[in-house]
Amino acid sequence: METVLKADIFFFVSTIAVVILAIFLAILLYYAISAFRRIKLLVKKVEGNLDNVNEEVKEIIIQIKESFLFNLFFPKKKQRKK
């Protein structure tokens, strides 16, 4: 009789532990999903702005190559005539 009582107590305690663990994992999963959604929105915003940044960088490179100081330090190579 005593072993049956000990087994019942063990299963009761293990059931409570499993329920608490399941609740903890559900909360953790909820926060992980919300974090992934935020990251996904952030990546979409960055991808949208990436095209604008790419065009601006190209314009800045063109302006630097056409500037006086750049041409002074890095003169354009002259092509040889054949």
PDB file of N, CA and C in Angstrom:
ATOM      1  N   MET A   1       0.819  -1.191   0.000  1.00  0.00           N
ATOM      2  CA  MET A   1       0.000   0.000   0.000  1.00  0.00           C
ATOM      3  C   MET A   1       0.861   1.252   0.000  1.00  0.00           C
ATOM      4  N   GLU A   2       1.971   1.186   0.719  1.00  0.00           N
ATOM      5  CA  GLU A   2       2.843   2.342   0.818  1.00  0.00           C
ATOM      6  C   GLU A   2       3.508   2.647  -0.532  1.00  0.00           C
ATOM      7  N   THR A   3       3.857   1.643  -1.298  1.00  0.00           N
ATOM      8  CA  THR A   3       4.473   1.871  -2.601  1.00  0.00           C
ATOM      9  C   THR A   3       3.488   2.492  -3.577  1.00  0.00           C
ATOM     10  N   VAL A   4       2.214   2.125  -3.506  1.00  0.00           N
ATOM     11  CA  VAL A   4       1.202   2.727  -4.381  1.00  0.00           C
ATOM     12  C   VAL A   4       1.037   4.198  -4.047  1.00  0.00           C
ATOM     13  N   LEU A   5       1.072   4.538  -2.773  1.00  0.00           N
ATOM     14  CA  LEU A   5       0.965   5.936  -2.349  1.00  0.00           C
ATOM     15  C   LEU A   5       2.174   6.731  -2.835  1.00  0.00           C
ATOM     16  N   LYS A   6       3.351   6.157  -2.737  1.00  0.00           N
ATOM     17  CA  LYS A   6       4.555   6.840  -3.221  1.00  0.00           C
ATOM     18  C   LYS A   6       4.501   7.015  -4.742  1.00  0.00           C
ATOM     19  N   ALA A   7       4.006   6.028  -5.452  1.00  0.00           N
ATOM     20  CA  ALA A   7       3.887   6.141  -6.910  1.00  0.00           C
ATOM     21  C   ALA A   7       2.884   7.226  -7.287  1.00  0.00           C
ATOM     22  N   ASP A   8       1.760   7.316  -6.558  1.00  0.00           N
ATOM     23  CA  ASP A   8       0.777   8.362  -6.827  1.00  0.00           C
ATOM     24  C   ASP A   8       1.367   9.751  -6.595  1.00  0.00           C
ATOM     25  N   ILE A   9       2.130   9.891  -5.531  1.00  0.00           N
ATOM     26  CA  ILE A   9       2.769  11.187  -5.248  1.00  0.00           C
ATOM     27  C   ILE A   9       3.773  11.516  -6.344  1.00  0.00           C
ATOM     28  N   PHE A  10       4.553  10.529  -6.770  1.00  0.00           N
ATOM     29  CA  PHE A  10       5.529  10.761  -7.838  1.00  0.00           C
ATOM     30  C   PHE A  10       4.837  11.207  -9.117  1.00  0.00           C
ATOM     31  N   PHE A  11       3.776  10.541  -9.532  1.00  0.00           N
ATOM     32  CA  PHE A  11       3.084  10.907 -10.764  1.00  0.00           C
ATOM     33  C   PHE A  11       2.394  12.263 -10.637  1.00  0.00           C
ATOM     34  N   PHE A  12       1.907  12.599  -9.457  1.00  0.00           N
ATOM     35  CA  PHE A  12       1.290  13.912  -9.245  1.00  0.00           C
ATOM     36  C   PHE A  12       2.328  15.014  -9.391  1.00  0.00           C
ATOM     37  N   VAL A  13       3.483  14.839  -8.767  1.00  0.00           N
ATOM     38  CA  VAL A  13       4.554  15.839  -8.846  1.00  0.00           C
ATOM     39  C   VAL A  13       5.089  15.932 -10.273  1.00  0.00           C
ATOM     40  N   SER A  14       5.277  14.819 -10.938  1.00  0.00           N
ATOM     41  CA  SER A  14       5.794  14.859 -12.311  1.00  0.00           C
ATOM     42  C   SER A  14       4.777  15.483 -13.264  1.00  0.00           C
ATOM     43  N   THR A  15       3.481  15.289 -13.026  1.00  0.00           N
ATOM     44  CA  THR A  15       2.453  15.918 -13.860  1.00  0.00           C
ATOM     45  C   THR A  15       2.486  17.431 -13.698  1.00  0.00           C
ATOM     46  N   ILE A  16       2.623  17.893 -12.476  1.00  0.00           N
ATOM     47  CA  ILE A  16       2.717  19.335 -12.236  1.00  0.00           C
ATOM     48  C   ILE A  16       3.962  19.903 -12.913  1.00  0.00           C
ATOM     49  N   ALA A  17       5.070  19.201 -12.835  1.00  0.00           N
ATOM     50  CA  ALA A  17       6.308  19.667 -13.466  1.00  0.00           C
ATOM     51  C   ALA A  17       6.159  19.740 -14.979  1.00  0.00           C
ATOM     52  N   VAL A  18       5.494  18.755 -15.571  1.00  0.00           N
ATOM     53  CA  VAL A  18       5.297  18.757 -17.016  1.00  0.00           C
ATOM     54  C   VAL A  18       4.383  19.906 -17.428  1.00  0.00           C
ATOM     55  N   VAL A  19       3.345  20.166 -16.659  1.00  0.00           N
ATOM     56  CA  VAL A  19       2.429  21.265 -16.971  1.00  0.00           C
ATOM     57  C   VAL A  19       3.154  22.605 -16.877  1.00  0.00           C
ATOM     58  N   ILE A  20       3.949  22.787 -15.829  1.00  0.00           N
ATOM     59  CA  ILE A  20       4.706  24.039 -15.685  1.00  0.00           C
ATOM     60  C   ILE A  20       5.706  24.191 -16.824  1.00  0.00           C
ATOM     61  N   LEU A  21       6.367  23.122 -17.189  1.00  0.00           N
ATOM     62  CA  LEU A  21       7.318  23.165 -18.303  1.00  0.00           C
ATOM     63  C   LEU A  21       6.612  23.489 -19.621  1.00  0.00           C
ATOM     64  N   ALA A  22       5.436  22.936 -19.842  1.00  0.00           N
ATOM     65  CA  ALA A  22       4.682  23.211 -21.064  1.00  0.00           C
ATOM     66  C   ALA A  22       4.248  24.678 -21.119  1.00  0.00           C
ATOM     67  N   ILE A  23       3.828  25.225 -19.986  1.00  0.00           N
ATOM     68  CA  ILE A  23       3.446  26.642 -19.944  1.00  0.00           C
ATOM     69  C   ILE A  23       4.659  27.522 -20.226  1.00  0.00           C
ATOM     70  N   PHE A  24       5.794  27.186 -19.624  1.00  0.00           N
ATOM     71  CA  PHE A  24       7.022  27.946 -19.856  1.00  0.00           C
ATOM     72  C   PHE A  24       7.428  27.898 -21.332  1.00  0.00           C
ATOM     73  N   LEU A  25       7.355  26.733 -21.946  1.00  0.00           N
ATOM     74  CA  LEU A  25       7.706  26.611 -23.364  1.00  0.00           C
ATOM     75  C   LEU A  25       6.725  27.362 -24.254  1.00  0.00           C
ATOM     76  N   ALA A  26       5.445  27.386 -23.900  1.00  0.00           N
ATOM     77  CA  ALA A  26       4.455  28.126 -24.684  1.00  0.00           C
ATOM     78  C   ALA A  26       4.745  29.624 -24.628  1.00  0.00           C
ATOM     79  N   ILE A  27       5.080  30.129 -23.456  1.00  0.00           N
ATOM     80  CA  ILE A  27       5.410  31.551 -23.319  1.00  0.00           C
ATOM     81  C   ILE A  27       6.681  31.864 -24.103  1.00  0.00           C
ATOM     82  N   LEU A  28       7.666  31.012 -24.003  1.00  0.00           N
ATOM     83  CA  LEU A  28       8.913  31.208 -24.741  1.00  0.00           C
ATOM     84  C   LEU A  28       8.675  31.196 -26.243  1.00  0.00           C
ATOM     85  N   LEU A  29       7.843  30.294 -26.708  1.00  0.00           N
ATOM     86  CA  LEU A  29       7.515  30.217 -28.130  1.00  0.00           C
ATOM     87  C   LEU A  29       6.772  31.462 -28.593  1.00  0.00           C
ATOM     88  N   TYR A  30       5.877  31.979 -27.766  1.00  0.00           N
ATOM     89  CA  TYR A  30       5.144  33.207 -28.111  1.00  0.00           C
ATOM     90  C   TYR A  30       6.114  34.369 -28.311  1.00  0.00           C
ATOM     91  N   TYR A  31       7.047  34.545 -27.378  1.00  0.00           N
ATOM     92  CA  TYR A  31       8.007  35.639 -27.497  1.00  0.00           C
ATOM     93  C   TYR A  31       8.956  35.429 -28.675  1.00  0.00           C
ATOM     94  N   ALA A  32       9.322  34.204 -28.946  1.00  0.00           N
ATOM     95  CA  ALA A  32      10.196  33.934 -30.091  1.00  0.00           C
ATOM     96  C   ALA A  32       9.490  34.261 -31.398  1.00  0.00           C
ATOM     97  N   ILE A  33       8.222  33.895 -31.521  1.00  0.00           N
ATOM     98  CA  ILE A  33       7.478  34.188 -32.750  1.00  0.00           C
ATOM     99  C   ILE A  33       7.315  35.693 -32.923  1.00  0.00           C
ATOM    100  N   SER A  34       7.015  36.405 -31.848  1.00  0.00           N
ATOM    101  CA  SER A  34       6.870  37.857 -31.972  1.00  0.00           C
ATOM    102  C   SER A  34       8.202  38.516 -32.326  1.00  0.00           C
ATOM    103  N   ALA A  35       9.300  38.007 -31.802  1.00  0.00           N
ATOM    104  CA  ALA A  35      10.611  38.556 -32.145  1.00  0.00           C
ATOM    105  C   ALA A  35      10.938  38.297 -33.610  1.00  0.00           C
ATOM    106  N   PHE A  36      10.620  37.096 -34.106  1.00  0.00           N
ATOM    107  CA  PHE A  36      10.872  36.800 -35.514  1.00  0.00           C
ATOM    108  C   PHE A  36      10.024  37.666 -36.432  1.00  0.00           C
ATOM    109  N   ARG A  37       8.796  37.976 -36.032  1.00  0.00           N
ATOM    110  CA  ARG A  37       7.949  38.863 -36.832  1.00  0.00           C
ATOM    111  C   ARG A  37       8.552  40.259 -36.898  1.00  0.00           C
ATOM    112  N   ARG A  38       9.042  40.749 -35.759  1.00  0.00           N
ATOM    113  CA  ARG A  38       9.671  42.078 -35.743  1.00  0.00           C
ATOM    114  C   ARG A  38      10.919  42.097 -36.620  1.00  0.00           C
ATOM    115  N   ILE A  39      11.707  41.046 -36.544  1.00  0.00           N
ATOM    116  CA  ILE A  39      12.911  40.968 -37.376  1.00  0.00           C
ATOM    117  C   ILE A  39      12.534  40.934 -38.851  1.00  0.00           C
ATOM    118  N   LYS A  40      11.473  40.208 -39.180  1.00  0.00           N
ATOM    119  CA  LYS A  40      11.027  40.123 -40.566  1.00  0.00           C
ATOM    120  C   LYS A  40      10.598  41.495 -41.080  1.00  0.00           C
ATOM    121  N   LEU A  41       9.853  42.264 -40.270  1.00  0.00           N
ATOM    122  CA  LEU A  41       9.448  43.610 -40.671  1.00  0.00           C
ATOM    123  C   LEU A  41      10.661  44.524 -40.831  1.00  0.00           C
ATOM    124  N   LEU A  42      11.621  44.394 -39.927  1.00  0.00           N
ATOM    125  CA  LEU A  42      12.827  45.213 -40.010  1.00  0.00           C
ATOM    126  C   LEU A  42      13.625  44.900 -41.268  1.00  0.00           C
ATOM    127  N   VAL A  43      13.739  43.634 -41.613  1.00  0.00           N
ATOM    128  CA  VAL A  43      14.467  43.238 -42.821  1.00  0.00           C
ATOM    129  C   VAL A  43      13.768  43.775 -44.066  1.00  0.00           C
ATOM    130  N   LYS A  44      12.444  43.751 -44.080  1.00  0.00           N
ATOM    131  CA  LYS A  44      11.716  44.294 -45.227  1.00  0.00           C
ATOM    132  C   LYS A  44      11.959  45.786 -45.375  1.00  0.00           C
ATOM    133  N   LYS A  45      11.993  46.513 -44.248  1.00  0.00           N
ATOM    134  CA  LYS A  45      12.269  47.951 -44.304  1.00  0.00           C
ATOM    135  C   LYS A  45      13.680  48.205 -44.831  1.00  0.00           C
ATOM    136  N   VAL A  46      14.628  47.423 -44.359  1.00  0.00           N
ATOM    137  CA  VAL A  46      16.019  47.600 -44.798  1.00  0.00           C
ATOM    138  C   VAL A  46      16.146  47.293 -46.284  1.00  0.00           C
ATOM    139  N   GLU A  47      15.488  46.235 -46.752  1.00  0.00           N
ATOM    140  CA  GLU A  47      15.544  45.891 -48.171  1.00  0.00           C
ATOM    141  C   GLU A  47      14.913  46.988 -49.021  1.00  0.00           C
ATOM    142  N   GLY A  48      13.840  47.600 -48.524  1.00  0.00           N
ATOM    143  CA  GLY A  48      13.199  48.682 -49.260  1.00  0.00           C
ATOM    144  C   GLY A  48      14.092  49.896 -49.385  1.00  0.00           C
ATOM    145  N   ASN A  49      14.838  50.194 -48.327  1.00  0.00           N
ATOM    146  CA  ASN A  49      15.722  51.359 -48.346  1.00  0.00           C
ATOM    147  C   ASN A  49      17.061  51.065 -48.997  1.00  0.00           C
ATOM    148  N   LEU A  50      17.369  49.816 -49.206  1.00  0.00           N
ATOM    149  CA  LEU A  50      18.660  49.445 -49.773  1.00  0.00           C
ATOM    150  C   LEU A  50      18.813  49.952 -51.202  1.00  0.00           C
ATOM    151  N   ASP A  51      17.748  49.932 -51.979  1.00  0.00           N
ATOM    152  CA  ASP A  51      17.818  50.424 -53.348  1.00  0.00           C
ATOM    153  C   ASP A  51      18.130  51.921 -53.371  1.00  0.00           C
ATOM    154  N   ASN A  52      17.491  52.681 -52.484  1.00  0.00           N
ATOM    155  CA  ASN A  52      17.758  54.123 -52.413  1.00  0.00           C
ATOM    156  C   ASN A  52      19.193  54.393 -52.003  1.00  0.00           C
ATOM    157  N   VAL A  53      19.688  53.651 -51.045  1.00  0.00           N
ATOM    158  CA  VAL A  53      21.058  53.838 -50.583  1.00  0.00           C
ATOM    159  C   VAL A  53      22.035  53.480 -51.687  1.00  0.00           C
ATOM    160  N   ASN A  54      21.748  52.432 -52.432  1.00  0.00           N
ATOM    161  CA  ASN A  54      22.615  52.006 -53.519  1.00  0.00           C
ATOM    162  C   ASN A  54      22.730  53.111 -54.568  1.00  0.00           C
ATOM    163  N   GLU A  55      21.605  53.727 -54.930  1.00  0.00           N
ATOM    164  CA  GLU A  55      21.630  54.806 -55.917  1.00  0.00           C
ATOM    165  C   GLU A  55      22.393  56.017 -55.389  1.00  0.00           C
ATOM    166  N   GLU A  56      22.206  56.341 -54.111  1.00  0.00           N
ATOM    167  CA  GLU A  56      22.909  57.486 -53.533  1.00  0.00           C
ATOM    168  C   GLU A  56      24.412  57.238 -53.478  1.00  0.00           C
ATOM    169  N   VAL A  57      24.813  56.034 -53.164  1.00  0.00           N
ATOM    170  CA  VAL A  57      26.243  55.711 -53.126  1.00  0.00           C
ATOM    171  C   VAL A  57      26.849  55.831 -54.514  1.00  0.00           C
ATOM    172  N   LYS A  58      26.120  55.378 -55.539  1.00  0.00           N
ATOM    173  CA  LYS A  58      26.620  55.514 -56.914  1.00  0.00           C
ATOM    174  C   LYS A  58      26.787  56.980 -57.290  1.00  0.00           C
ATOM    175  N   GLU A  59      25.832  57.813 -56.887  1.00  0.00           N
ATOM    176  CA  GLU A  59      25.942  59.246 -57.177  1.00  0.00           C
ATOM    177  C   GLU A  59      27.134  59.869 -56.452  1.00  0.00           C
ATOM    178  N   ILE A  60      27.348  59.465 -55.204  1.00  0.00           N
ATOM    179  CA  ILE A  60      28.485  59.999 -54.448  1.00  0.00           C
ATOM    180  C   ILE A  60      29.800  59.570 -55.085  1.00  0.00           C
ATOM    181  N   ILE A  61      29.890  58.342 -55.547  1.00  0.00           N
ATOM    182  CA  ILE A  61      31.110  57.864 -56.208  1.00  0.00           C
ATOM    183  C   ILE A  61      31.362  58.664 -57.484  1.00  0.00           C
ATOM    184  N   ILE A  62      30.322  58.932 -58.251  1.00  0.00           N
ATOM    185  CA  ILE A  62      30.475  59.726 -59.474  1.00  0.00           C
ATOM    186  C   ILE A  62      30.954  61.124 -59.128  1.00  0.00           C
ATOM    187  N   GLN A  63      30.389  61.730 -58.088  1.00  0.00           N
ATOM    188  CA  GLN A  63      30.805  63.080 -57.693  1.00  0.00           C
ATOM    189  C   GLN A  63      32.249  63.094 -57.211  1.00  0.00           C
ATOM    190  N   ILE A  64      32.653  62.068 -56.491  1.00  0.00           N
ATOM    191  CA  ILE A  64      34.043  62.009 -56.021  1.00  0.00           C
ATOM    192  C   ILE A  64      34.993  61.856 -57.201  1.00  0.00           C
ATOM    193  N   LYS A  65      34.638  61.005 -58.161  1.00  0.00           N
ATOM    194  CA  LYS A  65      35.508  60.801 -59.318  1.00  0.00           C
ATOM    195  C   LYS A  65      35.615  62.049 -60.181  1.00  0.00           C
ATOM    196  N   GLU A  66      34.611  62.888 -60.170  1.00  0.00           N
ATOM    197  CA  GLU A  66      34.639  64.113 -60.960  1.00  0.00           C
ATOM    198  C   GLU A  66      35.231  65.289 -60.190  1.00  0.00           C
ATOM    199  N   SER A  67      35.536  65.120 -58.903  1.00  0.00           N
ATOM    200  CA  SER A  67      36.046  66.231 -58.106  1.00  0.00           C
ATOM    201  C   SER A  67      37.496  66.556 -58.478  1.00  0.00           C
ATOM    202  N   PHE A  68      37.875  67.780 -58.187  1.00  0.00           N
ATOM    203  CA  PHE A  68      39.200  68.267 -58.528  1.00  0.00           C
ATOM    204  C   PHE A  68      40.289  67.521 -57.767  1.00  0.00           C
ATOM    205  N   LEU A  69      40.108  67.343 -56.452  1.00  0.00           N
ATOM    206  CA  LEU A  69      41.137  66.689 -55.641  1.00  0.00           C
ATOM    207  C   LEU A  69      41.353  65.242 -56.053  1.00  0.00           C
ATOM    208  N   PHE A  70      40.286  64.538 -56.357  1.00  0.00           N
ATOM    209  CA  PHE A  70      40.426  63.152 -56.790  1.00  0.00           C
ATOM    210  C   PHE A  70      41.208  63.083 -58.088  1.00  0.00           C
ATOM    211  N   ASN A  71      40.886  63.967 -59.023  1.00  0.00           N
ATOM    212  CA  ASN A  71      41.604  63.980 -60.304  1.00  0.00           C
ATOM    213  C   ASN A  71      43.039  64.455 -60.146  1.00  0.00           C
ATOM    214  N   LEU A  72      43.295  65.265 -59.119  1.00  0.00           N
ATOM    215  CA  LEU A  72      44.650  65.728 -58.871  1.00  0.00           C
ATOM    216  C   LEU A  72      45.523  64.577 -58.372  1.00  0.00           C
ATOM    217  N   PHE A  73      44.998  63.792 -57.441  1.00  0.00           N
ATOM    218  CA  PHE A  73      45.770  62.679 -56.883  1.00  0.00           C
ATOM    219  C   PHE A  73      45.732  61.424 -57.749  1.00  0.00           C
ATOM    220  N   PHE A  74      44.642  61.216 -58.450  1.00  0.00           N
ATOM    221  CA  PHE A  74      44.486  60.032 -59.304  1.00  0.00           C
ATOM    222  C   PHE A  74      44.100  60.484 -60.714  1.00  0.00           C
ATOM    223  N   PRO A  75      45.066  60.911 -61.481  1.00  0.00           N
ATOM    224  CA  PRO A  75      44.732  61.395 -62.836  1.00  0.00           C
ATOM    225  C   PRO A  75      44.217  60.255 -63.713  1.00  0.00           C
ATOM    226  N   LYS A  76      43.395  60.651 -64.675  1.00  0.00           N
ATOM    227  CA  LYS A  76      42.844  59.650 -65.598  1.00  0.00           C
ATOM    228  C   LYS A  76      43.952  59.192 -66.533  1.00  0.00           C
ATOM    229  N   LYS A  77      43.942  57.925 -66.829  1.00  0.00           N
ATOM    230  CA  LYS A  77      44.943  57.358 -67.713  1.00  0.00           C
ATOM    231  C   LYS A  77      44.599  57.736 -69.157  1.00  0.00           C
ATOM    232  N   LYS A  78      45.624  58.134 -69.867  1.00  0.00           N
ATOM    233  CA  LYS A  78      45.416  58.492 -71.266  1.00  0.00           C
ATOM    234  C   LYS A  78      45.567  57.240 -72.107  1.00  0.00           C
ATOM    235  N   GLN A  79      44.687  57.099 -73.075  1.00  0.00           N
ATOM    236  CA  GLN A  79      44.751  55.936 -73.957  1.00  0.00           C
ATOM    237  C   GLN A  79      45.744  56.205 -75.076  1.00  0.00           C
ATOM    238  N   ARG A  80      46.491  55.193 -75.414  1.00  0.00           N
ATOM    239  CA  ARG A  80      47.461  55.305 -76.500  1.00  0.00           C
ATOM    240  C   ARG A  80      46.756  55.148 -77.836  1.00  0.00           C
ATOM    241  N   LYS A  81      47.177  55.932 -78.765  1.00  0.00           N
ATOM    242  CA  LYS A  81      46.652  55.814 -80.117  1.00  0.00           C
ATOM    243  C   LYS A  81      47.527  54.845 -80.895  1.00  0.00           C
ATOM    244  N   LYS A  82      46.873  53.971 -81.654  1.00  0.00           N
ATOM    245  CA  LYS A  82      47.633  53.008 -82.433  1.00  0.00           C
ATOM    246  C   LYS A  82      47.788  53.469 -83.851  1.00  0.00           C
TER     247      LYS A  82
END
